[in-house]
């Protein structure tokens, strides 16, 4: 199992305290990530047939004990994965990351890209039996935006017209959210925002029943009720969570009868894998040293899959040394990525910022910059003595310590004098980075939704509070705005490709790898749809258990 890079953007973007808490999951074991049958299987087939999905059975997973399963408050990925089974939104992602219908059977977007009209499916019901109406979405999205809800995801939905006035207390409602009738929802944005549909496919935009959320009888986060393929049957804190099939799910009853999630205070790959070996789990993350065993065991399936998590070497462009683009280029030229990762199953080397599965990504357009002699020549022209530079990181495992040493060694080989600064917490590291007190830093970026805006706008826009580099480019800022307002994917792809190339020429960051997950699964588990979003978006509605021979 890879040791997680310092990912400064989990589900909470700008809270360093939450970053520290989220980083503690290291293995993020909600465990559900294999794609043994990536095509969407047909609806339920009779269990007497010899092939195809079978009805019944219990899928066994493990997770770190969640704090809340409220979709707007589930702040880490094991919580998100569980909540995903319980709730639905207007739209969802399919296995290929396309945005497709969920509780909205169809929708229309105005020519100016600002108005969305959704027609809801007829007869969709919450788990407690009440029919979902458009006003439920008005309530749910208003609640998400309400500062009193303290949802860290509210920031993404600020493009809804009237959101700012509502959040500032200048209006009692969000003017851009309207129920035209029981089955028609209207959402108006203050300006075109192309990724908006993808945001509506995210868990925080799920629909919830007002009467239960606001009931004083049971805290909603511990007694969640949605419309999802599974409903909460039992939650025994510190022991397990049991989900049961929703017999009236709009897309048809799931094949599984139940999902049993073993919950532990902390969970790592070795502990999970031991439970798997002991026959207590059907799916597990895999410690690196067990990869050979997993590949040779006939009753297991071994999966090694890249996800939307980019690891990079960041540079503080306002630092006295690194403000010189020539020095930043020398850093980039010094790094031999292949040597850094070798045959590491947990990393796939990249040379561009955008992972291959994202709109606008063009991996072939970016070559490996490694050229140590050119790096030496650059430094010699600029510095008579080896320039001193610091490489910052936090909570380094043994494997991460080795990686840091390799990076330092490569930098020293071209003429830098390197000091490794390893801090005790992610919060401390981020505090140093955003205060401009670091030079080089090793970080990772996890994308919550599959759109290049989720990466490039957040990290590289001049005014972004999550820009860790101090990077500022009026050209990039203008292009990012154009890409958000473009109404067709072809134009957006061209713009993001141009943005990526422009940023890369300035060297605020050197992309190193996309992270891959190594997973073991019993062969009888069928139909899991793993996408590059990983376990944060892994629906279990199509999973089924093949009978043992």
Protein backbone atom coordinates (compact mmCIF):
# COMPACT_ATOMS: atom_id res chain seq x y z
CA UNK A 1 0.00 0.00 0.00
CA UNK A 2 1.44 3.34 -0.95
CA UNK A 3 2.21 5.86 1.75
CA UNK A 4 -0.05 8.74 0.95
CA UNK A 5 1.59 11.87 -0.43
CA UNK A 6 0.84 15.03 1.47
CA UNK A 7 -2.52 15.68 -0.12
CA UNK A 8 -3.46 19.21 0.87
CA UNK A 9 -6.86 19.08 -0.57
CA UNK A 10 -9.06 16.28 0.70
CA UNK A 11 -12.75 16.99 1.06
CA UNK A 12 -12.02 20.10 3.07
CA UNK A 13 -9.94 22.52 1.09
CA UNK A 14 -8.76 25.34 3.23
CA UNK A 15 -8.93 24.24 6.86
CA UNK A 16 -5.47 23.16 7.99
CA UNK A 17 -6.93 21.54 11.09
CA UNK A 18 -9.14 19.36 8.96
CA UNK A 19 -6.29 18.59 6.62
CA UNK A 20 -4.39 17.20 9.56
CA UNK A 21 -7.32 15.09 10.65
CA UNK A 22 -8.03 13.79 7.17
CA UNK A 23 -4.42 12.90 6.52
CA UNK A 24 -4.57 10.51 9.43
CA UNK A 25 -6.53 8.05 7.34
CA UNK A 26 -3.39 7.23 5.28
CA UNK A 27 -5.00 4.16 3.85
CA UNK A 28 -8.47 5.56 3.46
CA UNK A 29 -10.12 2.26 3.75
CA UNK A 30 -13.66 2.43 2.85
CA UNK A 31 -12.50 -0.31 0.60
CA UNK A 32 -14.48 -0.78 -2.29
CA UNK A 33 -12.45 -0.22 -5.31
CA UNK A 34 -12.13 -2.81 -7.96
CA UNK A 35 -13.52 -2.93 -11.41
CA UNK A 36 -14.14 -6.57 -12.07
CA UNK A 37 -16.95 -5.77 -14.48
CA UNK A 38 -16.80 -2.17 -15.61
CA UNK A 39 -19.72 -2.39 -18.01
CA UNK A 40 -23.10 -1.69 -16.52
CA UNK A 41 -24.72 -5.11 -16.01
CA UNK A 42 -28.34 -5.72 -16.97
CA UNK A 43 -31.10 -5.39 -14.41
CA UNK A 44 -31.75 -8.23 -12.02
CA UNK A 45 -31.75 -11.64 -13.59
CA UNK A 46 -33.34 -14.65 -11.95
CA UNK A 47 -30.97 -16.24 -9.48
CA UNK A 48 -31.57 -19.61 -11.12
CA UNK A 49 -29.66 -18.59 -14.26
CA UNK A 50 -26.14 -19.91 -14.59
CA UNK A 51 -24.67 -16.59 -15.72
CA UNK A 52 -25.28 -12.93 -14.98
CA UNK A 53 -25.97 -11.03 -11.77
CA UNK A 54 -27.33 -13.04 -8.84
CA UNK A 55 -29.62 -11.66 -6.17
CA UNK A 56 -28.72 -11.85 -2.49
CA UNK A 57 -25.62 -12.10 -0.36
CA UNK A 58 -23.61 -9.74 1.80
CA UNK A 59 -20.55 -7.75 0.74
CA UNK A 60 -18.03 -7.27 3.56
CA UNK A 61 -15.86 -4.14 3.66
CA UNK A 62 -13.89 -2.24 6.29
CA UNK A 63 -13.68 1.44 7.10
CA UNK A 64 -12.36 3.79 9.71
CA UNK A 65 -15.18 4.68 12.11
CA UNK A 66 -17.15 7.59 10.64
CA UNK A 67 -18.28 10.61 12.63
CA UNK A 68 -21.25 11.55 10.45
CA UNK A 69 -23.08 10.18 7.41
CA UNK A 70 -24.87 13.45 6.68
CA UNK A 71 -23.96 14.09 3.01
CA UNK A 72 -22.99 17.72 3.64
CA UNK A 73 -20.90 16.85 6.71
CA UNK A 74 -19.13 13.66 5.64
CA UNK A 75 -15.70 15.18 5.55
CA UNK A 76 -13.46 12.27 4.71
CA UNK A 77 -13.54 9.55 2.15
CA UNK A 78 -14.61 6.56 4.17
CA UNK A 79 -17.61 8.63 5.29
CA UNK A 80 -18.24 9.75 1.72
CA UNK A 81 -18.17 6.22 0.35
CA UNK A 82 -20.75 5.02 2.87
CA UNK A 83 -22.97 8.08 2.36
CA UNK A 84 -22.81 7.51 -1.41
CA UNK A 85 -24.77 4.28 -0.97
CA UNK A 86 -27.50 6.05 1.03
CA UNK A 87 -28.14 9.22 -0.97
CA UNK A 88 -28.79 10.40 -4.53
CA UNK A 89 -28.60 13.74 -6.29
CA UNK A 90 -30.02 15.07 -9.51
CA UNK A 91 -27.24 13.50 -11.57
CA UNK A 92 -24.39 11.05 -11.04
CA UNK A 93 -21.19 9.84 -12.71
CA UNK A 94 -21.12 6.67 -14.75
CA UNK A 95 -18.13 4.31 -14.93
CA UNK A 96 -16.57 6.53 -17.62
CA UNK A 97 -17.04 9.72 -15.57
CA UNK A 98 -19.84 11.00 -17.78
CA UNK A 99 -22.58 12.96 -16.02
CA UNK A 100 -25.83 10.99 -16.37
CA UNK A 101 -29.35 11.13 -14.98
CA UNK A 102 -30.11 10.12 -11.41
CA UNK A 103 -33.16 11.58 -9.66
CA UNK A 104 -33.54 14.04 -12.54
CA UNK A 105 -34.76 12.11 -15.56
CA UNK A 106 -33.64 14.95 -17.88
CA UNK A 107 -32.55 18.58 -17.88
CA UNK A 108 -32.07 21.59 -20.12
CA UNK A 109 -29.45 24.33 -20.01
CA UNK A 110 -30.15 27.81 -21.35
CA UNK A 111 -28.05 29.12 -24.28
CA UNK A 112 -26.18 31.48 -21.95
CA UNK A 113 -25.22 28.58 -19.64
CA UNK A 114 -26.78 30.16 -16.56
CA UNK A 115 -30.18 28.48 -16.16
CA UNK A 116 -30.75 24.74 -15.55
CA UNK A 117 -34.22 23.17 -15.61
CA UNK A 118 -34.44 19.65 -14.14
CA UNK A 119 -37.42 17.34 -14.51
CA UNK A 120 -37.55 14.86 -11.62
CA UNK A 121 -38.40 11.18 -11.93
CA UNK A 122 -41.93 10.36 -10.91
CA UNK A 123 -42.52 8.38 -7.74
CA UNK A 124 -38.99 8.41 -6.29
CA UNK A 125 -39.22 8.00 -2.51
CA UNK A 126 -37.04 8.52 0.54
CA UNK A 127 -36.25 5.44 2.61
CA UNK A 128 -39.04 6.35 5.07
CA UNK A 129 -41.59 6.34 2.26
CA UNK A 130 -42.28 9.97 1.34
CA UNK A 131 -42.14 10.96 -2.33
CA UNK A 132 -39.32 13.31 -3.37
CA UNK A 133 -40.44 16.66 -4.80
CA UNK A 134 -38.55 19.61 -6.27
CA UNK A 135 -38.90 21.59 -3.06
CA UNK A 136 -36.75 18.92 -1.35
CA UNK A 137 -33.85 19.91 -3.60
CA UNK A 138 -34.42 23.60 -2.87
CA UNK A 139 -34.23 22.78 0.84
CA UNK A 140 -31.21 20.48 0.51
CA UNK A 141 -29.10 22.88 -1.56
CA UNK A 142 -30.09 25.84 0.63
CA UNK A 143 -29.08 23.84 3.69
CA UNK A 144 -25.74 23.04 2.05
CA UNK A 145 -25.10 26.76 1.48
CA UNK A 146 -26.28 27.80 4.95
CA UNK A 147 -23.29 28.92 7.08
CA UNK A 148 -25.01 27.37 10.10
CA UNK A 149 -24.58 23.94 8.51
CA UNK A 150 -20.80 24.41 8.55
CA UNK A 151 -20.31 22.38 5.40
CA UNK A 152 -16.83 22.68 3.96
CA UNK A 153 -18.24 21.87 0.52
CA UNK A 154 -20.53 24.91 0.38
CA UNK A 155 -17.78 26.92 -1.33
CA UNK A 156 -18.21 24.96 -4.58
CA UNK A 157 -21.85 25.95 -4.96
CA UNK A 158 -21.33 29.69 -4.56
CA UNK A 159 -22.07 30.22 -8.27
CA UNK A 160 -25.80 29.71 -7.56
CA UNK A 161 -27.53 33.09 -7.91
CA UNK A 162 -28.22 34.65 -4.53
CA UNK A 163 -25.91 32.33 -2.60
CA UNK A 164 -23.69 35.18 -1.43
CA UNK A 165 -26.64 37.30 -0.24
CA UNK A 166 -28.13 34.32 1.60
CA UNK A 167 -24.83 33.44 3.27
CA UNK A 168 -24.29 37.05 4.33
CA UNK A 169 -27.75 37.24 5.87
CA UNK A 170 -29.02 39.77 3.30
CA UNK A 171 -31.69 37.36 2.03
CA UNK A 172 -33.71 34.61 3.75
CA UNK A 173 -33.63 32.44 0.61
CA UNK A 174 -31.33 31.58 -2.29
CA UNK A 175 -32.94 33.30 -5.27
CA UNK A 176 -31.37 30.93 -7.80
CA UNK A 177 -33.15 27.88 -6.35
CA UNK A 178 -36.80 27.52 -7.34
CA UNK A 179 -39.34 24.69 -7.39
CA UNK A 180 -41.52 25.51 -10.42
CA UNK A 181 -43.83 22.65 -9.48
CA UNK A 182 -43.56 19.32 -7.66
CA UNK A 183 -41.45 17.75 -10.41
CA UNK A 184 -39.54 20.71 -11.90
CA UNK A 185 -36.51 22.37 -10.35
CA UNK A 186 -34.91 25.56 -11.65
CA UNK A 187 -31.33 26.52 -10.75
CA UNK A 188 -29.92 29.85 -11.93
CA UNK A 189 -26.22 30.71 -11.72
CA UNK A 190 -24.79 34.20 -11.36
CA UNK A 191 -22.51 33.48 -14.34
CA UNK A 192 -21.83 30.49 -16.59
CA UNK A 193 -19.86 27.78 -14.81
CA UNK A 194 -19.17 24.77 -17.02
CA UNK A 195 -18.29 22.27 -14.22
CA UNK A 196 -21.63 22.87 -12.46
CA UNK A 197 -23.29 19.61 -13.53
CA UNK A 198 -20.28 17.68 -12.24
CA UNK A 199 -20.67 19.45 -8.91
CA UNK A 200 -24.30 18.35 -8.76
CA UNK A 201 -23.09 14.74 -9.11
CA UNK A 202 -21.16 15.14 -5.87
CA UNK A 203 -22.40 13.79 -2.56
CA UNK A 204 -23.05 17.20 -0.87
CA UNK A 205 -25.73 17.96 -3.50
CA UNK A 206 -27.78 14.92 -2.43
CA UNK A 207 -31.43 15.33 -1.51
CA UNK A 208 -32.48 14.95 2.14
CA UNK A 209 -35.92 15.04 3.86
CA UNK A 210 -36.44 18.26 5.83
CA UNK A 211 -38.75 16.69 8.40
CA UNK A 212 -36.08 14.19 9.50
CA UNK A 213 -33.09 16.51 9.23
CA UNK A 214 -34.79 19.01 11.54
CA UNK A 215 -36.28 16.42 13.89
CA UNK A 216 -35.00 16.63 17.44
CA UNK A 217 -35.59 12.91 17.99
CA UNK A 218 -32.50 11.56 16.21
CA UNK A 219 -29.33 13.33 14.97
CA UNK A 220 -29.49 13.03 11.19
CA UNK A 221 -25.76 12.32 10.77
CA UNK A 222 -26.14 9.14 12.84
CA UNK A 223 -29.58 8.26 11.45
CA UNK A 224 -29.29 9.14 7.76
CA UNK A 225 -32.29 8.74 5.45
CA UNK A 226 -31.92 9.25 1.72
CA UNK A 227 -33.15 7.74 -1.52
CA UNK A 228 -30.10 5.58 -2.27
CA UNK A 229 -29.74 1.98 -3.38
CA UNK A 230 -29.12 1.00 0.25
CA UNK A 231 -30.64 2.17 3.52
CA UNK A 232 -29.11 2.19 6.98
CA UNK A 233 -30.26 -0.89 8.86
CA UNK A 234 -27.96 -0.67 11.87
CA UNK A 235 -24.98 1.33 13.08
CA UNK A 236 -23.17 -0.11 16.08
CA UNK A 237 -20.47 2.47 16.93
CA UNK A 238 -17.00 0.96 17.05
CA UNK A 239 -18.20 -2.32 15.59
CA UNK A 240 -19.99 -2.21 12.25
CA UNK A 241 -22.47 -0.53 9.94
CA UNK A 242 -25.06 -2.65 8.17
CA UNK A 243 -26.71 -1.40 4.98
CA UNK A 244 -29.75 -3.15 3.51
CA UNK A 245 -31.01 -3.13 -0.07
CA UNK A 246 -33.63 -0.50 -0.91
CA UNK A 247 -36.46 -2.60 -2.44
CA UNK A 248 -38.03 0.42 -4.20
CA UNK A 249 -34.87 2.01 -5.57
CA UNK A 250 -35.63 3.98 -8.75
CA UNK A 251 -33.06 2.03 -10.82
CA UNK A 252 -34.19 -1.34 -9.48
CA UNK A 253 -33.40 -3.19 -6.29
CA UNK A 254 -29.62 -3.73 -5.89
CA UNK A 255 -28.33 -7.27 -6.39
CA UNK A 256 -26.79 -7.45 -2.90
CA UNK A 257 -29.03 -8.01 0.09
CA UNK A 258 -26.67 -6.25 2.47
CA UNK A 259 -23.34 -4.45 2.82
CA UNK A 260 -21.54 -5.03 6.12
CA UNK A 261 -18.86 -2.46 6.96
CA UNK A 262 -16.50 -3.34 9.79
CA UNK A 263 -15.50 -0.09 11.51
CA UNK A 264 -12.29 0.40 13.48
CA UNK A 265 -10.83 3.48 15.21
CA UNK A 266 -7.86 3.38 12.86
CA UNK A 267 -7.26 1.15 9.89
CA UNK A 268 -4.18 0.48 7.80
CA UNK A 269 -3.48 -1.75 4.82
CA UNK A 270 -1.79 -4.48 6.84
CA UNK A 271 -4.64 -4.70 9.35
CA UNK A 272 -7.22 -4.72 6.58
CA UNK A 273 -5.33 -7.32 4.58
CA UNK A 274 -5.07 -9.58 7.62
CA UNK A 275 -8.85 -9.41 8.01
CA UNK A 276 -9.12 -10.29 4.32
CA UNK A 277 -6.75 -13.26 4.66
CA UNK A 278 -8.69 -14.41 7.71
CA UNK A 279 -11.85 -14.55 5.60
CA UNK A 280 -13.57 -11.59 7.28
CA UNK A 281 -13.55 -9.20 4.29
CA UNK A 282 -14.27 -9.54 0.59
CA UNK A 283 -12.09 -6.57 -0.46
CA UNK A 284 -8.89 -5.07 0.93
CA UNK A 285 -6.14 -2.63 0.21
CA UNK A 286 -2.89 -4.45 -0.29
CA UNK A 287 0.44 -3.87 1.48
CA UNK A 288 3.20 -3.56 -1.12
CA UNK A 289 5.00 -6.63 0.17
CA UNK A 290 1.90 -8.77 -0.47
CA UNK A 291 1.50 -7.94 -4.17
CA UNK A 292 3.23 -11.12 -5.34
CA UNK A 293 1.04 -13.24 -3.08
CA UNK A 294 -2.14 -11.51 -4.29
CA UNK A 295 -1.24 -12.06 -7.94
CA UNK A 296 -0.55 -15.76 -7.42
CA UNK A 297 -3.56 -16.70 -5.29
CA UNK A 298 -6.18 -18.27 -7.62
CA UNK A 299 -9.17 -17.23 -5.48
CA UNK A 300 -8.19 -13.57 -5.45
CA UNK A 301 -8.17 -10.78 -8.01
CA UNK A 302 -5.32 -8.26 -7.90
CA UNK A 303 -6.08 -4.72 -9.12
CA UNK A 304 -3.55 -1.91 -9.56
CA UNK A 305 -5.47 1.18 -10.66
CA UNK A 306 -4.52 4.88 -11.04
CA UNK A 307 -6.82 7.43 -9.42
CA UNK A 308 -7.19 11.21 -9.61
CA UNK A 309 -4.45 11.98 -7.12
CA UNK A 310 -1.44 13.87 -8.43
CA UNK A 311 1.84 13.97 -6.55
CA UNK A 312 4.09 16.96 -7.25
CA UNK A 313 7.15 18.88 -6.13
CA UNK A 314 5.93 22.38 -5.34
CA UNK A 315 8.06 25.52 -5.45
CA UNK A 316 7.53 28.79 -3.58
CA UNK A 317 7.89 31.25 -6.46
CA UNK A 318 8.13 34.18 -4.03
CA UNK A 319 11.15 32.75 -2.25
CA UNK A 320 14.35 34.74 -2.70
CA UNK A 321 16.06 31.84 -4.49
CA UNK A 322 13.11 30.30 -6.30
CA UNK A 323 11.67 33.55 -7.64
CA UNK A 324 14.22 33.06 -10.43
CA UNK A 325 12.51 30.87 -13.10
CA UNK A 326 15.97 29.64 -14.14
CA UNK A 327 16.52 28.11 -10.70
CA UNK A 328 13.05 26.55 -10.79
CA UNK A 329 13.88 25.10 -14.19
CA UNK A 330 17.12 23.70 -12.78
CA UNK A 331 15.11 21.92 -10.07
CA UNK A 332 12.83 20.41 -12.72
CA UNK A 333 15.77 19.34 -14.90
CA UNK A 334 17.45 17.64 -11.93
CA UNK A 335 14.64 15.19 -11.12
CA UNK A 336 14.78 11.68 -12.57
CA UNK A 337 11.21 10.47 -11.94
CA UNK A 338 11.85 6.95 -13.20
CA UNK A 339 14.66 6.56 -10.70
CA UNK A 340 12.49 8.00 -7.92
CA UNK A 341 9.72 5.45 -8.33
CA UNK A 342 11.32 2.55 -10.19
CA UNK A 343 8.82 -0.30 -10.33
CA UNK A 344 6.71 1.10 -7.48
CA UNK A 345 3.18 -0.24 -7.95
CA UNK A 346 1.72 2.75 -6.14
CA UNK A 347 2.87 5.40 -8.62
CA UNK A 348 2.68 6.01 -12.36
CA UNK A 349 5.11 8.69 -13.57
CA UNK A 350 3.55 11.72 -15.29
CA UNK A 351 5.06 14.77 -17.00
CA UNK A 352 1.94 16.96 -17.28
CA UNK A 353 -0.32 18.35 -14.58
CA UNK A 354 -3.60 16.86 -15.83
CA UNK A 355 -4.14 13.11 -15.33
CA UNK A 356 -4.95 11.24 -18.54
CA UNK A 357 -8.64 10.78 -17.71
CA UNK A 358 -9.36 14.53 -17.46
CA UNK A 359 -10.74 16.81 -20.15
CA UNK A 360 -7.88 18.62 -21.91
CA UNK A 361 -5.20 16.20 -20.81
CA UNK A 362 -2.53 15.56 -23.45
CA UNK A 363 0.20 13.38 -21.91
CA UNK A 364 2.06 13.08 -25.23
CA UNK A 365 2.52 16.87 -25.33
CA UNK A 366 4.74 16.83 -22.24
CA UNK A 367 8.10 15.09 -22.28
CA UNK A 368 10.39 14.19 -19.41
CA UNK A 369 12.44 17.27 -18.50
CA UNK A 370 15.25 15.29 -16.88
CA UNK A 371 18.58 16.76 -18.04
CA UNK A 372 21.08 16.97 -15.18
CA UNK A 373 23.86 18.55 -17.26
CA UNK A 374 21.62 21.42 -18.32
CA UNK A 375 20.62 21.84 -14.67
CA UNK A 376 24.29 22.07 -13.66
CA UNK A 377 25.02 24.60 -16.38
CA UNK A 378 22.07 26.76 -15.32
CA UNK A 379 23.16 26.83 -11.68
CA UNK A 380 26.80 27.55 -12.51
CA UNK A 381 25.80 30.58 -14.56
CA UNK A 382 23.71 31.95 -11.71
CA UNK A 383 25.56 30.89 -8.54
CA UNK A 384 29.23 30.64 -7.72
CA UNK A 385 28.51 28.41 -4.73
CA UNK A 386 25.95 25.64 -4.34
CA UNK A 387 22.67 27.41 -3.48
CA UNK A 388 21.09 26.20 -0.24
CA UNK A 389 17.54 24.93 -0.59
CA UNK A 390 15.06 23.28 1.78
CA UNK A 391 12.78 20.37 0.94
CA UNK A 392 9.70 20.30 3.19
CA UNK A 393 7.39 17.42 4.05
CA UNK A 394 5.29 16.12 6.95
CA UNK A 395 4.56 12.83 8.71
CA UNK A 396 7.04 10.90 6.59
CA UNK A 397 6.85 7.11 6.62
CA UNK A 398 9.97 5.06 6.04
CA UNK A 399 9.24 4.77 2.33
CA UNK A 400 8.59 8.51 2.12
CA UNK A 401 11.86 9.24 3.92
CA UNK A 402 13.64 7.23 1.23
CA UNK A 403 11.81 9.15 -1.50
CA UNK A 404 12.79 12.48 0.04
CA UNK A 405 16.39 11.36 0.23
CA UNK A 406 16.35 10.37 -3.45
CA UNK A 407 14.98 13.78 -4.41
CA UNK A 408 17.59 15.51 -2.26
CA UNK A 409 20.36 13.39 -3.77
CA UNK A 410 19.29 14.25 -7.31
CA UNK A 411 19.18 17.96 -6.49
CA UNK A 412 22.61 17.79 -4.85
CA UNK A 413 24.06 16.02 -7.89
CA UNK A 414 23.41 19.12 -10.03
CA UNK A 415 24.77 21.62 -7.50
CA UNK A 416 22.16 22.36 -4.83
CA UNK A 417 22.85 22.05 -1.12
CA UNK A 418 19.69 20.42 0.27
CA UNK A 419 18.22 20.34 3.79
CA UNK A 420 15.20 18.10 4.40
CA UNK A 421 12.64 19.67 6.75
CA UNK A 422 10.20 17.05 8.01
CA UNK A 423 7.40 18.46 10.16
CA UNK A 424 5.22 16.51 12.56
CA UNK A 425 1.82 17.33 11.06
CA UNK A 426 0.13 18.28 7.85
CA UNK A 427 -1.44 21.30 9.53
CA UNK A 428 1.99 22.61 10.45
CA UNK A 429 3.32 22.05 6.94
CA UNK A 430 0.38 23.81 5.31
CA UNK A 431 0.70 26.70 7.72
CA UNK A 432 4.33 27.12 6.67
CA UNK A 433 3.49 26.80 2.97
CA UNK A 434 0.68 29.37 2.99
CA UNK A 435 2.77 31.74 5.07
CA UNK A 436 5.42 31.60 2.32
CA UNK A 437 8.07 30.16 4.64
CA UNK A 438 8.94 27.06 2.62
CA UNK A 439 10.97 26.57 -0.56
CA UNK A 440 10.42 23.13 -2.10
CA UNK A 441 7.62 20.90 -0.78
CA UNK A 442 6.27 17.47 -1.61
CA UNK A 443 2.47 17.42 -1.80
CA UNK A 444 -0.41 15.61 -3.42
CA UNK A 445 -3.70 16.78 -4.87
CA UNK A 446 -6.85 14.67 -4.72
CA UNK A 447 -9.60 15.69 -7.12
CA UNK A 448 -13.13 15.48 -5.74
CA UNK A 449 -14.77 15.73 -9.14
CA UNK A 450 -13.44 14.84 -12.58
CA UNK A 451 -12.92 18.27 -14.12
CA UNK A 452 -9.65 20.11 -14.82
CA UNK A 453 -11.05 23.17 -13.03
CA UNK A 454 -10.89 21.17 -9.80
CA UNK A 455 -7.09 21.06 -10.15
CA UNK A 456 -5.91 24.06 -12.18
CA UNK A 457 -8.25 26.76 -10.90
CA UNK A 458 -7.77 25.77 -7.28
CA UNK A 459 -4.01 25.49 -7.33
CA UNK A 460 -2.91 28.08 -9.86
CA UNK A 461 -5.42 30.95 -9.87
CA UNK A 462 -3.69 34.00 -8.44
CA UNK A 463 -6.38 34.72 -5.83
CA UNK A 464 -7.13 31.13 -4.85
CA UNK A 465 -6.71 30.61 -1.10
CA UNK A 466 -5.45 27.11 -1.91
CA UNK A 467 -2.64 28.28 -4.21
CA UNK A 468 0.43 26.93 -2.35
CA UNK A 469 3.08 28.30 -4.71
CA UNK A 470 2.44 32.05 -4.54
CA UNK A 471 2.00 31.71 -8.30
CA UNK A 472 0.37 34.60 -10.16
CA UNK A 473 -0.24 34.93 -13.87
CA UNK A 474 -2.79 37.31 -15.39
CA UNK A 475 -2.72 35.21 -18.57
CA UNK A 476 -3.54 32.02 -16.69
CA UNK A 477 -6.25 33.78 -14.64
CA UNK A 478 -7.96 35.02 -17.82
CA UNK A 479 -7.77 31.61 -19.48
CA UNK A 480 -9.18 29.89 -16.38
CA UNK A 481 -12.17 32.24 -16.45
CA UNK A 482 -12.68 31.60 -20.17
CA UNK A 483 -12.59 27.84 -19.54
CA UNK A 484 -15.21 28.10 -16.79
CA UNK A 485 -17.53 30.04 -19.10
CA UNK A 486 -17.03 27.91 -22.23
CA UNK A 487 -20.17 25.94 -23.01
CA UNK A 488 -18.77 23.02 -24.99
CA UNK A 489 -16.18 20.45 -23.98
CA UNK A 490 -14.09 20.85 -27.12
CA UNK A 491 -13.43 24.53 -26.36
CA UNK A 492 -12.80 23.75 -22.70
CA UNK A 493 -10.35 20.98 -23.57
CA UNK A 494 -8.35 23.32 -25.80
CA UNK A 495 -8.31 26.02 -23.12
CA UNK A 496 -7.19 23.70 -20.34
CA UNK A 497 -4.47 22.25 -22.52
CA UNK A 498 -3.21 25.79 -23.15
CA UNK A 499 -3.47 26.63 -19.44
CA UNK A 500 -1.48 23.53 -18.51
CA UNK A 501 1.29 24.34 -21.00
CA UNK A 502 1.46 27.98 -19.84
CA UNK A 503 1.79 26.96 -16.19
CA UNK A 504 4.38 24.31 -17.00
CA UNK A 505 6.58 26.92 -18.69
CA UNK A 506 6.67 28.91 -15.44
CA UNK A 507 7.76 25.91 -13.29
CA UNK A 508 5.75 26.58 -10.10
CA UNK A 509 5.41 22.81 -9.69
CA UNK A 510 6.92 19.67 -11.13
CA UNK A 511 4.33 16.87 -11.56
CA UNK A 512 5.80 13.56 -10.43
CA UNK A 513 3.16 10.83 -10.51
CA UNK A 514 -0.44 9.81 -10.28
CA UNK A 515 -1.12 7.55 -7.34
CA UNK A 516 -2.28 3.98 -7.93
CA UNK A 517 -4.12 1.73 -5.53
CA UNK A 518 -3.27 -1.93 -5.08
CA UNK A 519 -6.26 -3.96 -4.03
CA UNK A 520 -7.10 -7.60 -3.43
CA UNK A 521 -10.61 -8.91 -3.92
CA UNK A 522 -12.29 -12.30 -3.78
CA UNK A 523 -13.01 -13.61 -7.26
CA UNK A 524 -16.70 -14.00 -6.58
CA UNK A 525 -17.20 -10.21 -6.20
CA UNK A 526 -18.57 -8.97 -9.53
CA UNK A 527 -19.69 -5.63 -10.92
CA UNK A 528 -17.66 -3.12 -8.90
CA UNK A 529 -17.14 -0.04 -11.05
CA UNK A 530 -13.84 1.63 -10.21
CA UNK A 531 -13.27 5.00 -11.80
CA UNK A 532 -10.29 7.36 -11.42
CA UNK A 533 -12.22 8.99 -8.56
CA UNK A 534 -11.35 5.93 -6.47
CA UNK A 535 -13.28 5.01 -3.37
CA UNK A 536 -14.82 8.42 -2.83
CA UNK A 537 -17.22 7.54 -5.65
CA UNK A 538 -17.81 3.80 -5.72
CA UNK A 539 -21.50 2.87 -6.03
CA UNK A 540 -22.31 -0.67 -4.92
CA UNK A 541 -25.74 -0.92 -6.55
CA UNK A 542 -24.47 -3.11 -9.43
CA UNK A 543 -22.26 -5.39 -7.31
CA UNK A 544 -23.20 -9.05 -7.05
CA UNK A 545 -21.65 -12.20 -5.63
CA UNK A 546 -20.95 -15.09 -7.95
CA UNK A 547 -21.71 -18.48 -6.39
CA UNK A 548 -18.68 -20.57 -5.47
CA UNK A 549 -18.13 -23.62 -7.67
